[in-house]
Protein backbone atom coordinates (compact mmCIF):
# COMPACT_ATOMS: atom_id res chain seq x y z
CA UNK A 1 0.00 0.00 0.00
CA UNK A 2 1.85 3.05 -1.26
CA UNK A 3 -1.08 5.37 -1.88
CA UNK A 4 -1.35 7.09 1.48
CA UNK A 5 -4.80 8.43 0.61
CA UNK A 6 -6.18 4.89 0.52
CA UNK A 7 -4.24 3.37 3.40
CA UNK A 8 -7.43 3.12 5.46
CA UNK A 9 -9.50 1.92 2.49
CA UNK A 10 -7.62 -1.06 1.03
CA UNK A 11 -7.39 -3.14 4.25
CA UNK A 12 -11.19 -3.14 4.49
CA UNK A 13 -11.38 -4.94 1.13
CA UNK A 14 -9.22 -7.81 2.38
CA UNK A 15 -10.22 -8.05 6.05
CA UNK A 16 -12.45 -11.12 5.81
CA UNK A 17 -12.70 -14.32 7.87
CA UNK A 18 -11.75 -16.43 4.84
CA UNK A 19 -8.87 -14.23 3.67
CA UNK A 20 -6.36 -13.04 6.34
CA UNK A 21 -4.86 -9.65 5.57
CA UNK A 22 -1.17 -9.47 4.63
CA UNK A 23 0.46 -6.26 3.42
CA UNK A 24 3.73 -7.20 1.67
CA UNK A 25 4.87 -3.61 1.09
CA UNK A 26 4.08 -0.23 2.63
CA UNK A 27 5.79 3.01 3.53
CA UNK A 28 8.02 3.19 6.61
CA UNK A 29 5.96 5.01 9.22
CA UNK A 30 5.65 4.35 12.92
CA UNK A 31 2.21 3.05 13.87
CA UNK A 32 1.08 1.41 10.63
CA UNK A 33 1.91 -2.16 11.62
CA UNK A 34 0.18 -1.75 14.99
CA UNK A 35 -2.92 -0.38 13.29
CA UNK A 36 -3.11 -3.20 10.73
CA UNK A 37 -2.48 -6.00 13.24
CA UNK A 38 -4.94 -4.67 15.83
CA UNK A 39 -7.67 -3.15 13.68
CA UNK A 40 -7.67 -5.60 10.77
CA UNK A 41 -6.30 -8.78 12.38
CA UNK A 42 -3.42 -8.69 9.89
CA UNK A 43 -1.11 -11.72 9.78
CA UNK A 44 1.76 -9.50 8.64
CA UNK A 45 2.81 -6.05 7.42
CA UNK A 46 6.18 -5.35 5.80
CA UNK A 47 7.59 -1.83 5.37
CA UNK A 48 9.62 -1.52 2.17
CA UNK A 49 13.21 -0.29 2.27
CA UNK A 50 13.76 -0.90 5.97
CA UNK A 51 17.50 -1.39 5.42
CA UNK A 52 19.26 1.48 7.13
CA UNK A 53 16.05 2.85 8.66
CA UNK A 54 15.25 0.21 11.26
CA UNK A 55 15.58 2.72 14.10
CA UNK A 56 12.38 4.44 12.94
CA UNK A 57 10.31 1.37 13.84
CA UNK A 58 12.40 -0.20 16.59
CA UNK A 59 10.24 1.07 19.47
CA UNK A 60 6.98 0.12 17.78
CA UNK A 61 8.19 -3.37 16.93
CA UNK A 62 9.49 -3.91 20.46
CA UNK A 63 6.02 -2.94 21.66
CA UNK A 64 4.34 -5.30 19.17
CA UNK A 65 6.65 -8.14 20.13
CA UNK A 66 5.71 -7.70 23.78
CA UNK A 67 1.98 -7.49 22.99
CA UNK A 68 1.86 -10.34 20.48
CA UNK A 69 0.56 -13.07 22.86
CA UNK A 70 -2.30 -10.75 23.82
CA UNK A 71 -2.90 -9.64 20.23
CA UNK A 72 -3.09 -13.22 18.94
CA UNK A 73 -5.51 -14.13 21.73
CA UNK A 74 -7.85 -11.31 20.74
CA UNK A 75 -7.63 -11.33 16.96
CA UNK A 76 -10.98 -12.14 15.38
CA UNK A 77 -12.95 -11.50 18.57
CA UNK A 78 -14.11 -7.94 17.73
CA UNK A 79 -12.82 -6.93 21.17
CA UNK A 80 -9.62 -5.36 19.79
CA UNK A 81 -9.13 -2.21 17.71
CA UNK A 82 -6.14 -0.33 16.38
CA UNK A 83 -5.70 3.41 15.94
CA UNK A 84 -3.13 5.85 14.58
CA UNK A 85 -2.89 9.52 13.72
CA UNK A 86 -3.19 9.87 9.98
CA UNK A 87 -3.01 13.66 9.63
CA UNK A 88 -3.08 16.79 11.76
CA UNK A 89 -6.88 16.84 11.76
CA UNK A 90 -7.18 13.43 13.41
CA UNK A 91 -8.21 13.93 17.02
CA UNK A 92 -8.52 10.29 18.09
CA UNK A 93 -10.99 7.41 18.28
CA UNK A 94 -13.99 6.47 20.42
CA UNK A 95 -14.89 2.92 21.43
CA UNK A 96 -18.22 1.76 22.83
CA UNK A 97 -17.29 -0.25 25.90
CA UNK A 98 -20.89 -1.24 26.70
CA UNK A 99 -24.37 0.27 26.66
CA UNK A 100 -23.38 2.78 29.35
CA UNK A 101 -19.75 3.69 28.62
CA UNK A 102 -17.71 5.11 25.76
CA UNK A 103 -13.90 5.11 25.93
CA UNK A 104 -12.10 8.02 24.28
CA UNK A 105 -8.56 7.81 22.89
CA UNK A 106 -7.28 11.31 22.13
CA UNK A 107 -4.09 11.99 20.19
CA UNK A 108 -1.61 14.24 21.94
CA UNK A 109 -0.82 17.49 20.13
CA UNK A 110 1.17 19.17 22.88
CA UNK A 111 4.86 19.09 22.06
CA UNK A 112 7.67 21.50 22.78
CA UNK A 113 8.18 21.89 19.04
CA UNK A 114 4.67 22.91 18.03
CA UNK A 115 4.39 25.26 21.01
CA UNK A 116 7.23 27.32 19.52
CA UNK A 117 5.72 29.79 17.08
CA UNK A 118 9.10 30.33 15.45
CA UNK A 119 9.56 26.65 14.61
CA UNK A 120 9.55 25.77 10.94
CA UNK A 121 8.60 22.46 9.33
CA UNK A 122 7.02 21.28 12.56
CA UNK A 123 4.99 18.11 12.34
CA UNK A 124 3.06 16.26 14.99
CA UNK A 125 4.64 13.22 16.62
CA UNK A 126 3.45 9.69 15.84
CA UNK A 127 0.37 8.65 17.81
CA UNK A 128 -0.87 5.08 17.63
CA UNK A 129 -1.81 2.02 19.63
CA UNK A 130 -4.48 -0.54 20.37
CA UNK A 131 -7.60 -0.92 22.49
CA UNK A 132 -8.69 -4.31 23.89
CA UNK A 133 -11.79 -5.03 25.99
CA UNK A 134 -10.63 -7.83 28.29
CA UNK A 135 -13.59 -8.26 30.68
CA UNK A 136 -16.99 -6.71 31.36
CA UNK A 137 -15.34 -4.06 33.53
CA UNK A 138 -11.75 -3.82 32.25
CA UNK A 139 -9.89 -2.80 29.11
CA UNK A 140 -6.32 -2.33 27.93
CA UNK A 141 -4.87 0.58 25.98
CA UNK A 142 -1.31 0.37 24.74
CA UNK A 143 0.32 3.00 22.60
CA UNK A 144 2.24 6.20 22.14
CA UNK A 145 1.16 9.81 22.47
CA UNK A 146 -2.45 9.26 23.47
CA UNK A 147 -4.75 10.30 26.28
CA UNK A 148 -7.43 7.91 27.57
CA UNK A 149 -10.72 8.88 29.20
CA UNK A 150 -14.30 7.61 29.46
CA UNK A 151 -17.77 9.15 29.55
CA UNK A 152 -21.23 7.80 30.29
CA UNK A 153 -23.74 7.43 27.48
CA UNK A 154 -26.47 6.61 29.99
CA UNK A 155 -28.13 9.71 31.52
CA UNK A 156 -28.76 7.69 34.69
CA UNK A 157 -25.12 6.66 35.17
CA UNK A 158 -21.71 8.18 35.88
CA UNK A 159 -18.46 6.48 34.92
CA UNK A 160 -14.98 6.54 36.43
CA UNK A 161 -11.72 4.91 35.39
CA UNK A 162 -10.32 3.32 38.53
CA UNK A 163 -7.29 1.24 39.44
CA UNK A 164 -5.29 2.37 36.40
CA UNK A 165 -2.20 0.18 36.23
CA UNK A 166 0.85 0.57 34.02
CA UNK A 167 2.76 -2.57 33.14
CA UNK A 168 4.15 -4.98 30.59
CA UNK A 169 3.38 -8.49 29.33
CA UNK A 170 6.06 -11.15 29.68
CA UNK A 171 6.94 -13.75 27.04
CA UNK A 172 4.07 -15.98 28.19
CA UNK A 173 1.61 -13.11 27.87
CA UNK A 174 1.21 -12.68 31.63
CA UNK A 175 0.75 -9.20 33.06
CA UNK A 176 3.54 -7.69 35.16
CA UNK A 177 2.52 -4.50 36.93
CA UNK A 178 4.96 -1.58 37.07
CA UNK A 179 2.87 0.98 38.92
CA UNK A 180 -0.49 2.66 39.53
CA UNK A 181 -1.53 6.00 38.04
CA UNK A 182 -3.67 8.44 40.00
CA UNK A 183 -3.87 12.07 41.14
CA UNK A 184 -1.96 14.48 38.91
CA UNK A 185 -0.85 11.54 36.77
CA UNK A 186 -4.48 11.18 35.71
CA UNK A 187 -4.49 14.63 34.15
CA UNK A 188 -6.66 16.32 36.77
CA UNK A 189 -4.82 19.62 36.24
CA UNK A 190 -5.14 19.52 32.45
CA UNK A 191 -8.65 18.26 31.66
CA UNK A 192 -12.18 18.57 33.02
CA UNK A 193 -12.48 14.79 32.72
CA UNK A 194 -9.42 12.90 33.99
CA UNK A 195 -7.27 11.75 31.08
CA UNK A 196 -4.47 9.23 31.41
CA UNK A 197 -1.46 9.79 29.17
CA UNK A 198 0.23 6.76 27.59
CA UNK A 199 3.71 7.03 26.14
CA UNK A 200 3.90 10.82 26.29
CA UNK A 201 6.25 12.23 23.67
CA UNK A 202 8.56 15.02 24.81
CA UNK A 203 9.01 16.84 21.52
CA UNK A 204 9.22 16.25 17.81
CA UNK A 205 10.49 18.13 14.79
CA UNK A 206 10.99 17.57 11.09
CA UNK A 207 13.85 15.15 10.57
CA UNK A 208 13.58 13.49 13.97
CA UNK A 209 13.91 9.72 13.76
CA UNK A 210 11.36 7.49 15.43
CA UNK A 211 10.12 8.02 18.97
CA UNK A 212 11.88 9.11 22.12
CA UNK A 213 9.86 6.68 24.24
CA UNK A 214 8.62 3.13 23.93
CA UNK A 215 4.81 2.86 23.85
CA UNK A 216 3.25 2.26 27.26
CA UNK A 217 0.54 -0.22 28.28
CA UNK A 218 -2.27 0.43 30.77
CA UNK A 219 -5.08 -1.61 32.30
CA UNK A 220 -8.23 0.31 33.22
CA UNK A 221 -11.06 -0.71 35.53
CA UNK A 222 -14.44 0.79 34.62
CA UNK A 223 -16.59 1.86 37.58
CA UNK A 224 -20.25 2.80 37.00
CA UNK A 225 -22.57 4.33 39.57
CA UNK A 226 -25.94 6.07 39.67
CA UNK A 227 -25.98 9.73 38.71
CA UNK A 228 -27.00 11.97 41.60
C-alpha atoms as a PDB file:
ATOM      1  CA  UNK A   1       0.000   0.000   0.000  1.00  0.00           C
ATOM      2  CA  UNK A   2       1.855   3.047  -1.257  1.00  0.00           C
ATOM      3  CA  UNK A   3      -1.083   5.367  -1.878  1.00  0.00           C
ATOM      4  CA  UNK A   4      -1.353   7.090   1.484  1.00  0.00           C
ATOM      5  CA  UNK A   5      -4.795   8.425   0.607  1.00  0.00           C
ATOM      6  CA  UNK A   6      -6.175   4.892   0.518  1.00  0.00           C
ATOM      7  CA  UNK A   7      -4.238   3.371   3.401  1.00  0.00           C
ATOM      8  CA  UNK A   8      -7.433   3.117   5.462  1.00  0.00           C
ATOM      9  CA  UNK A   9      -9.503   1.920   2.486  1.00  0.00           C
ATOM     10  CA  UNK A  10      -7.624  -1.056   1.033  1.00  0.00           C
ATOM     11  CA  UNK A  11      -7.391  -3.138   4.249  1.00  0.00           C
ATOM     12  CA  UNK A  12     -11.187  -3.143   4.493  1.00  0.00           C
ATOM     13  CA  UNK A  13     -11.379  -4.936   1.133  1.00  0.00           C
ATOM     14  CA  UNK A  14      -9.217  -7.806   2.380  1.00  0.00           C
ATOM     15  CA  UNK A  15     -10.217  -8.054   6.054  1.00  0.00           C
ATOM     16  CA  UNK A  16     -12.455 -11.119   5.811  1.00  0.00           C
ATOM     17  CA  UNK A  17     -12.700 -14.323   7.871  1.00  0.00           C
ATOM     18  CA  UNK A  18     -11.750 -16.429   4.839  1.00  0.00           C
ATOM     19  CA  UNK A  19      -8.873 -14.226   3.675  1.00  0.00           C
ATOM     20  CA  UNK A  20      -6.361 -13.042   6.335  1.00  0.00           C
ATOM     21  CA  UNK A  21      -4.859  -9.652   5.566  1.00  0.00           C
ATOM     22  CA  UNK A  22      -1.174  -9.472   4.629  1.00  0.00           C
ATOM     23  CA  UNK A  23       0.463  -6.256   3.423  1.00  0.00           C
ATOM     24  CA  UNK A  24       3.727  -7.203   1.669  1.00  0.00           C
ATOM     25  CA  UNK A  25       4.869  -3.614   1.094  1.00  0.00           C
ATOM     26  CA  UNK A  26       4.084  -0.230   2.632  1.00  0.00           C
ATOM     27  CA  UNK A  27       5.794   3.013   3.531  1.00  0.00           C
ATOM     28  CA  UNK A  28       8.022   3.192   6.605  1.00  0.00           C
ATOM     29  CA  UNK A  29       5.964   5.012   9.222  1.00  0.00           C
ATOM     30  CA  UNK A  30       5.651   4.352  12.918  1.00  0.00           C
ATOM     31  CA  UNK A  31       2.210   3.046  13.870  1.00  0.00           C
ATOM     32  CA  UNK A  32       1.078   1.411  10.629  1.00  0.00           C
ATOM     33  CA  UNK A  33       1.914  -2.158  11.623  1.00  0.00           C
ATOM     34  CA  UNK A  34       0.179  -1.753  14.986  1.00  0.00           C
ATOM     35  CA  UNK A  35      -2.917  -0.378  13.288  1.00  0.00           C
ATOM     36  CA  UNK A  36      -3.108  -3.200  10.732  1.00  0.00           C
ATOM     37  CA  UNK A  37      -2.482  -5.999  13.244  1.00  0.00           C
ATOM     38  CA  UNK A  38      -4.941  -4.672  15.833  1.00  0.00           C
ATOM     39  CA  UNK A  39      -7.673  -3.146  13.683  1.00  0.00           C
ATOM     40  CA  UNK A  40      -7.668  -5.598  10.772  1.00  0.00           C
ATOM     41  CA  UNK A  41      -6.297  -8.779  12.384  1.00  0.00           C
ATOM     42  CA  UNK A  42      -3.418  -8.690   9.892  1.00  0.00           C
ATOM     43  CA  UNK A  43      -1.110 -11.716   9.776  1.00  0.00           C
ATOM     44  CA  UNK A  44       1.758  -9.497   8.642  1.00  0.00           C
ATOM     45  CA  UNK A  45       2.809  -6.053   7.415  1.00  0.00           C
ATOM     46  CA  UNK A  46       6.179  -5.354   5.798  1.00  0.00           C
ATOM     47  CA  UNK A  47       7.590  -1.832   5.368  1.00  0.00           C
ATOM     48  CA  UNK A  48       9.617  -1.520   2.169  1.00  0.00           C
ATOM     49  CA  UNK A  49      13.208  -0.287   2.272  1.00  0.00           C
ATOM     50  CA  UNK A  50      13.756  -0.903   5.967  1.00  0.00           C
ATOM     51  CA  UNK A  51      17.501  -1.386   5.419  1.00  0.00           C
ATOM     52  CA  UNK A  52      19.261   1.483   7.131  1.00  0.00           C
ATOM     53  CA  UNK A  53      16.052   2.852   8.656  1.00  0.00           C
ATOM     54  CA  UNK A  54      15.253   0.207  11.264  1.00  0.00           C
ATOM     55  CA  UNK A  55      15.577   2.723  14.103  1.00  0.00           C
ATOM     56  CA  UNK A  56      12.379   4.437  12.935  1.00  0.00           C
ATOM     57  CA  UNK A  57      10.307   1.371  13.840  1.00  0.00           C
ATOM     58  CA  UNK A  58      12.398  -0.197  16.594  1.00  0.00           C
ATOM     59  CA  UNK A  59      10.240   1.072  19.469  1.00  0.00           C
ATOM     60  CA  UNK A  60       6.985   0.122  17.776  1.00  0.00           C
ATOM     61  CA  UNK A  61       8.193  -3.369  16.931  1.00  0.00           C
ATOM     62  CA  UNK A  62       9.486  -3.914  20.456  1.00  0.00           C
ATOM     63  CA  UNK A  63       6.016  -2.937  21.663  1.00  0.00           C
ATOM     64  CA  UNK A  64       4.338  -5.298  19.168  1.00  0.00           C
ATOM     65  CA  UNK A  65       6.646  -8.142  20.126  1.00  0.00           C
ATOM     66  CA  UNK A  66       5.708  -7.701  23.783  1.00  0.00           C
ATOM     67  CA  UNK A  67       1.985  -7.490  22.986  1.00  0.00           C
ATOM     68  CA  UNK A  68       1.865 -10.343  20.476  1.00  0.00           C
ATOM     69  CA  UNK A  69       0.563 -13.072  22.855  1.00  0.00           C
ATOM     70  CA  UNK A  70      -2.303 -10.753  23.824  1.00  0.00           C
ATOM     71  CA  UNK A  71      -2.896  -9.640  20.230  1.00  0.00           C
ATOM     72  CA  UNK A  72      -3.089 -13.220  18.945  1.00  0.00           C
ATOM     73  CA  UNK A  73      -5.505 -14.131  21.728  1.00  0.00           C
ATOM     74  CA  UNK A  74      -7.849 -11.305  20.741  1.00  0.00           C
ATOM     75  CA  UNK A  75      -7.634 -11.326  16.955  1.00  0.00           C
ATOM     76  CA  UNK A  76     -10.979 -12.143  15.383  1.00  0.00           C
ATOM     77  CA  UNK A  77     -12.955 -11.503  18.575  1.00  0.00           C
ATOM     78  CA  UNK A  78     -14.108  -7.941  17.729  1.00  0.00           C
ATOM     79  CA  UNK A  79     -12.820  -6.928  21.167  1.00  0.00           C
ATOM     80  CA  UNK A  80      -9.618  -5.361  19.789  1.00  0.00           C
ATOM     81  CA  UNK A  81      -9.127  -2.207  17.711  1.00  0.00           C
ATOM     82  CA  UNK A  82      -6.142  -0.326  16.383  1.00  0.00           C
ATOM     83  CA  UNK A  83      -5.702   3.414  15.942  1.00  0.00           C
ATOM     84  CA  UNK A  84      -3.129   5.849  14.581  1.00  0.00           C
ATOM     85  CA  UNK A  85      -2.886   9.525  13.722  1.00  0.00           C
ATOM     86  CA  UNK A  86      -3.195   9.873   9.978  1.00  0.00           C
ATOM     87  CA  UNK A  87      -3.009  13.660   9.630  1.00  0.00           C
ATOM     88  CA  UNK A  88      -3.078  16.789  11.764  1.00  0.00           C
ATOM     89  CA  UNK A  89      -6.879  16.839  11.755  1.00  0.00           C
ATOM     90  CA  UNK A  90      -7.178  13.431  13.409  1.00  0.00           C
ATOM     91  CA  UNK A  91      -8.213  13.934  17.021  1.00  0.00           C
ATOM     92  CA  UNK A  92      -8.521  10.285  18.089  1.00  0.00           C
ATOM     93  CA  UNK A  93     -10.990   7.411  18.282  1.00  0.00           C
ATOM     94  CA  UNK A  94     -13.990   6.468  20.420  1.00  0.00           C
ATOM     95  CA  UNK A  95     -14.891   2.919  21.434  1.00  0.00           C
ATOM     96  CA  UNK A  96     -18.219   1.758  22.830  1.00  0.00           C
ATOM     97  CA  UNK A  97     -17.291  -0.253  25.899  1.00  0.00           C
ATOM     98  CA  UNK A  98     -20.886  -1.240  26.701  1.00  0.00           C
ATOM     99  CA  UNK A  99     -24.370   0.273  26.655  1.00  0.00           C
ATOM    100  CA  UNK A 100     -23.380   2.782  29.351  1.00  0.00           C
ATOM    101  CA  UNK A 101     -19.750   3.687  28.625  1.00  0.00           C
ATOM    102  CA  UNK A 102     -17.706   5.113  25.757  1.00  0.00           C
ATOM    103  CA  UNK A 103     -13.899   5.107  25.930  1.00  0.00           C
ATOM    104  CA  UNK A 104     -12.095   8.020  24.276  1.00  0.00           C
ATOM    105  CA  UNK A 105      -8.558   7.811  22.889  1.00  0.00           C
ATOM    106  CA  UNK A 106      -7.278  11.310  22.134  1.00  0.00           C
ATOM    107  CA  UNK A 107      -4.092  11.988  20.192  1.00  0.00           C
ATOM    108  CA  UNK A 108      -1.606  14.244  21.941  1.00  0.00           C
ATOM    109  CA  UNK A 109      -0.817  17.492  20.131  1.00  0.00           C
ATOM    110  CA  UNK A 110       1.165  19.172  22.878  1.00  0.00           C
ATOM    111  CA  UNK A 111       4.861  19.092  22.058  1.00  0.00           C
ATOM    112  CA  UNK A 112       7.666  21.505  22.782  1.00  0.00           C
ATOM    113  CA  UNK A 113       8.178  21.886  19.041  1.00  0.00           C
ATOM    114  CA  UNK A 114       4.669  22.912  18.032  1.00  0.00           C
ATOM    115  CA  UNK A 115       4.393  25.264  21.007  1.00  0.00           C
ATOM    116  CA  UNK A 116       7.229  27.322  19.515  1.00  0.00           C
ATOM    117  CA  UNK A 117       5.725  29.794  17.076  1.00  0.00           C
ATOM    118  CA  UNK A 118       9.102  30.334  15.451  1.00  0.00           C
ATOM    119  CA  UNK A 119       9.558  26.648  14.612  1.00  0.00           C
ATOM    120  CA  UNK A 120       9.553  25.766  10.942  1.00  0.00           C
ATOM    121  CA  UNK A 121       8.603  22.465   9.327  1.00  0.00           C
ATOM    122  CA  UNK A 122       7.023  21.283  12.564  1.00  0.00           C
ATOM    123  CA  UNK A 123       4.987  18.108  12.337  1.00  0.00           C
ATOM    124  CA  UNK A 124       3.056  16.257  14.986  1.00  0.00           C
ATOM    125  CA  UNK A 125       4.636  13.221  16.623  1.00  0.00           C
ATOM    126  CA  UNK A 126       3.448   9.692  15.838  1.00  0.00           C
ATOM    127  CA  UNK A 127       0.369   8.646  17.809  1.00  0.00           C
ATOM    128  CA  UNK A 128      -0.870   5.077  17.626  1.00  0.00           C
ATOM    129  CA  UNK A 129      -1.807   2.025  19.629  1.00  0.00           C
ATOM    130  CA  UNK A 130      -4.485  -0.544  20.370  1.00  0.00           C
ATOM    131  CA  UNK A 131      -7.603  -0.922  22.493  1.00  0.00           C
ATOM    132  CA  UNK A 132      -8.692  -4.308  23.888  1.00  0.00           C
ATOM    133  CA  UNK A 133     -11.786  -5.028  25.990  1.00  0.00           C
ATOM    134  CA  UNK A 134     -10.631  -7.828  28.288  1.00  0.00           C
ATOM    135  CA  UNK A 135     -13.594  -8.259  30.678  1.00  0.00           C
ATOM    136  CA  UNK A 136     -16.991  -6.708  31.358  1.00  0.00           C
ATOM    137  CA  UNK A 137     -15.343  -4.061  33.528  1.00  0.00           C
ATOM    138  CA  UNK A 138     -11.749  -3.822  32.246  1.00  0.00           C
ATOM    139  CA  UNK A 139      -9.887  -2.802  29.114  1.00  0.00           C
ATOM    140  CA  UNK A 140      -6.317  -2.329  27.926  1.00  0.00           C
ATOM    141  CA  UNK A 141      -4.866   0.582  25.981  1.00  0.00           C
ATOM    142  CA  UNK A 142      -1.311   0.370  24.735  1.00  0.00           C
ATOM    143  CA  UNK A 143       0.318   2.997  22.595  1.00  0.00           C
ATOM    144  CA  UNK A 144       2.239   6.196  22.142  1.00  0.00           C
ATOM    145  CA  UNK A 145       1.158   9.809  22.466  1.00  0.00           C
ATOM    146  CA  UNK A 146      -2.446   9.262  23.468  1.00  0.00           C
ATOM    147  CA  UNK A 147      -4.752  10.299  26.282  1.00  0.00           C
ATOM    148  CA  UNK A 148      -7.427   7.913  27.565  1.00  0.00           C
ATOM    149  CA  UNK A 149     -10.720   8.881  29.200  1.00  0.00           C
ATOM    150  CA  UNK A 150     -14.298   7.613  29.461  1.00  0.00           C
ATOM    151  CA  UNK A 151     -17.768   9.148  29.554  1.00  0.00           C
ATOM    152  CA  UNK A 152     -21.225   7.804  30.290  1.00  0.00           C
ATOM    153  CA  UNK A 153     -23.744   7.431  27.476  1.00  0.00           C
ATOM    154  CA  UNK A 154     -26.472   6.610  29.988  1.00  0.00           C
ATOM    155  CA  UNK A 155     -28.129   9.711  31.520  1.00  0.00           C
ATOM    156  CA  UNK A 156     -28.756   7.694  34.693  1.00  0.00           C
ATOM    157  CA  UNK A 157     -25.119   6.661  35.170  1.00  0.00           C
ATOM    158  CA  UNK A 158     -21.712   8.179  35.883  1.00  0.00           C
ATOM    159  CA  UNK A 159     -18.459   6.480  34.919  1.00  0.00           C
ATOM    160  CA  UNK A 160     -14.984   6.542  36.427  1.00  0.00           C
ATOM    161  CA  UNK A 161     -11.718   4.913  35.391  1.00  0.00           C
ATOM    162  CA  UNK A 162     -10.319   3.322  38.528  1.00  0.00           C
ATOM    163  CA  UNK A 163      -7.290   1.236  39.443  1.00  0.00           C
ATOM    164  CA  UNK A 164      -5.288   2.367  36.402  1.00  0.00           C
ATOM    165  CA  UNK A 165      -2.197   0.176  36.233  1.00  0.00           C
ATOM    166  CA  UNK A 166       0.847   0.570  34.016  1.00  0.00           C
ATOM    167  CA  UNK A 167       2.762  -2.571  33.144  1.00  0.00           C
ATOM    168  CA  UNK A 168       4.148  -4.984  30.588  1.00  0.00           C
ATOM    169  CA  UNK A 169       3.385  -8.491  29.335  1.00  0.00           C
ATOM    170  CA  UNK A 170       6.058 -11.152  29.680  1.00  0.00           C
ATOM    171  CA  UNK A 171       6.943 -13.753  27.044  1.00  0.00           C
ATOM    172  CA  UNK A 172       4.073 -15.980  28.186  1.00  0.00           C
ATOM    173  CA  UNK A 173       1.608 -13.111  27.873  1.00  0.00           C
ATOM    174  CA  UNK A 174       1.206 -12.684  31.635  1.00  0.00           C
ATOM    175  CA  UNK A 175       0.745  -9.199  33.064  1.00  0.00           C
ATOM    176  CA  UNK A 176       3.543  -7.689  35.163  1.00  0.00           C
ATOM    177  CA  UNK A 177       2.520  -4.498  36.934  1.00  0.00           C
ATOM    178  CA  UNK A 178       4.961  -1.578  37.072  1.00  0.00           C
ATOM    179  CA  UNK A 179       2.872   0.980  38.921  1.00  0.00           C
ATOM    180  CA  UNK A 180      -0.486   2.660  39.526  1.00  0.00           C
ATOM    181  CA  UNK A 181      -1.526   5.997  38.035  1.00  0.00           C
ATOM    182  CA  UNK A 182      -3.670   8.444  39.995  1.00  0.00           C
ATOM    183  CA  UNK A 183      -3.865  12.067  41.139  1.00  0.00           C
ATOM    184  CA  UNK A 184      -1.959  14.484  38.911  1.00  0.00           C
ATOM    185  CA  UNK A 185      -0.850  11.545  36.765  1.00  0.00           C
ATOM    186  CA  UNK A 186      -4.482  11.183  35.712  1.00  0.00           C
ATOM    187  CA  UNK A 187      -4.486  14.632  34.154  1.00  0.00           C
ATOM    188  CA  UNK A 188      -6.658  16.323  36.766  1.00  0.00           C
ATOM    189  CA  UNK A 189      -4.825  19.616  36.235  1.00  0.00           C
ATOM    190  CA  UNK A 190      -5.135  19.515  32.450  1.00  0.00           C
ATOM    191  CA  UNK A 191      -8.645  18.257  31.663  1.00  0.00           C
ATOM    192  CA  UNK A 192     -12.183  18.567  33.022  1.00  0.00           C
ATOM    193  CA  UNK A 193     -12.485  14.785  32.724  1.00  0.00           C
ATOM    194  CA  UNK A 194      -9.418  12.900  33.987  1.00  0.00           C
ATOM    195  CA  UNK A 195      -7.271  11.748  31.075  1.00  0.00           C
ATOM    196  CA  UNK A 196      -4.470   9.235  31.413  1.00  0.00           C
ATOM    197  CA  UNK A 197      -1.461   9.787  29.167  1.00  0.00           C
ATOM    198  CA  UNK A 198       0.229   6.763  27.586  1.00  0.00           C
ATOM    199  CA  UNK A 199       3.709   7.032  26.137  1.00  0.00           C
ATOM    200  CA  UNK A 200       3.900  10.820  26.289  1.00  0.00           C
ATOM    201  CA  UNK A 201       6.248  12.228  23.668  1.00  0.00           C
ATOM    202  CA  UNK A 202       8.559  15.018  24.810  1.00  0.00           C
ATOM    203  CA  UNK A 203       9.010  16.845  21.519  1.00  0.00           C
ATOM    204  CA  UNK A 204       9.218  16.254  17.815  1.00  0.00           C
ATOM    205  CA  UNK A 205      10.491  18.127  14.785  1.00  0.00           C
ATOM    206  CA  UNK A 206      10.987  17.573  11.090  1.00  0.00           C
ATOM    207  CA  UNK A 207      13.855  15.153  10.569  1.00  0.00           C
ATOM    208  CA  UNK A 208      13.582  13.490  13.968  1.00  0.00           C
ATOM    209  CA  UNK A 209      13.913   9.721  13.763  1.00  0.00           C
ATOM    210  CA  UNK A 210      11.357   7.488  15.428  1.00  0.00           C
ATOM    211  CA  UNK A 211      10.120   8.021  18.972  1.00  0.00           C
ATOM    212  CA  UNK A 212      11.876   9.111  22.121  1.00  0.00           C
ATOM    213  CA  UNK A 213       9.858   6.678  24.236  1.00  0.00           C
ATOM    214  CA  UNK A 214       8.622   3.133  23.926  1.00  0.00           C
ATOM    215  CA  UNK A 215       4.810   2.857  23.853  1.00  0.00           C
ATOM    216  CA  UNK A 216       3.246   2.261  27.256  1.00  0.00           C
ATOM    217  CA  UNK A 217       0.538  -0.220  28.276  1.00  0.00           C
ATOM    218  CA  UNK A 218      -2.268   0.431  30.772  1.00  0.00           C
ATOM    219  CA  UNK A 219      -5.075  -1.607  32.300  1.00  0.00           C
ATOM    220  CA  UNK A 220      -8.232   0.310  33.221  1.00  0.00           C
ATOM    221  CA  UNK A 221     -11.062  -0.709  35.527  1.00  0.00           C
ATOM    222  CA  UNK A 222     -14.443   0.788  34.619  1.00  0.00           C
ATOM    223  CA  UNK A 223     -16.590   1.861  37.583  1.00  0.00           C
ATOM    224  CA  UNK A 224     -20.249   2.802  37.002  1.00  0.00           C
ATOM    225  CA  UNK A 225     -22.575   4.334  39.570  1.00  0.00           C
ATOM    226  CA  UNK A 226     -25.943   6.067  39.672  1.00  0.00           C
ATOM    227  CA  UNK A 227     -25.976   9.732  38.708  1.00  0.00           C
ATOM    228  CA  UNK A 228     -26.998  11.971  41.595  1.00  0.00           C
END
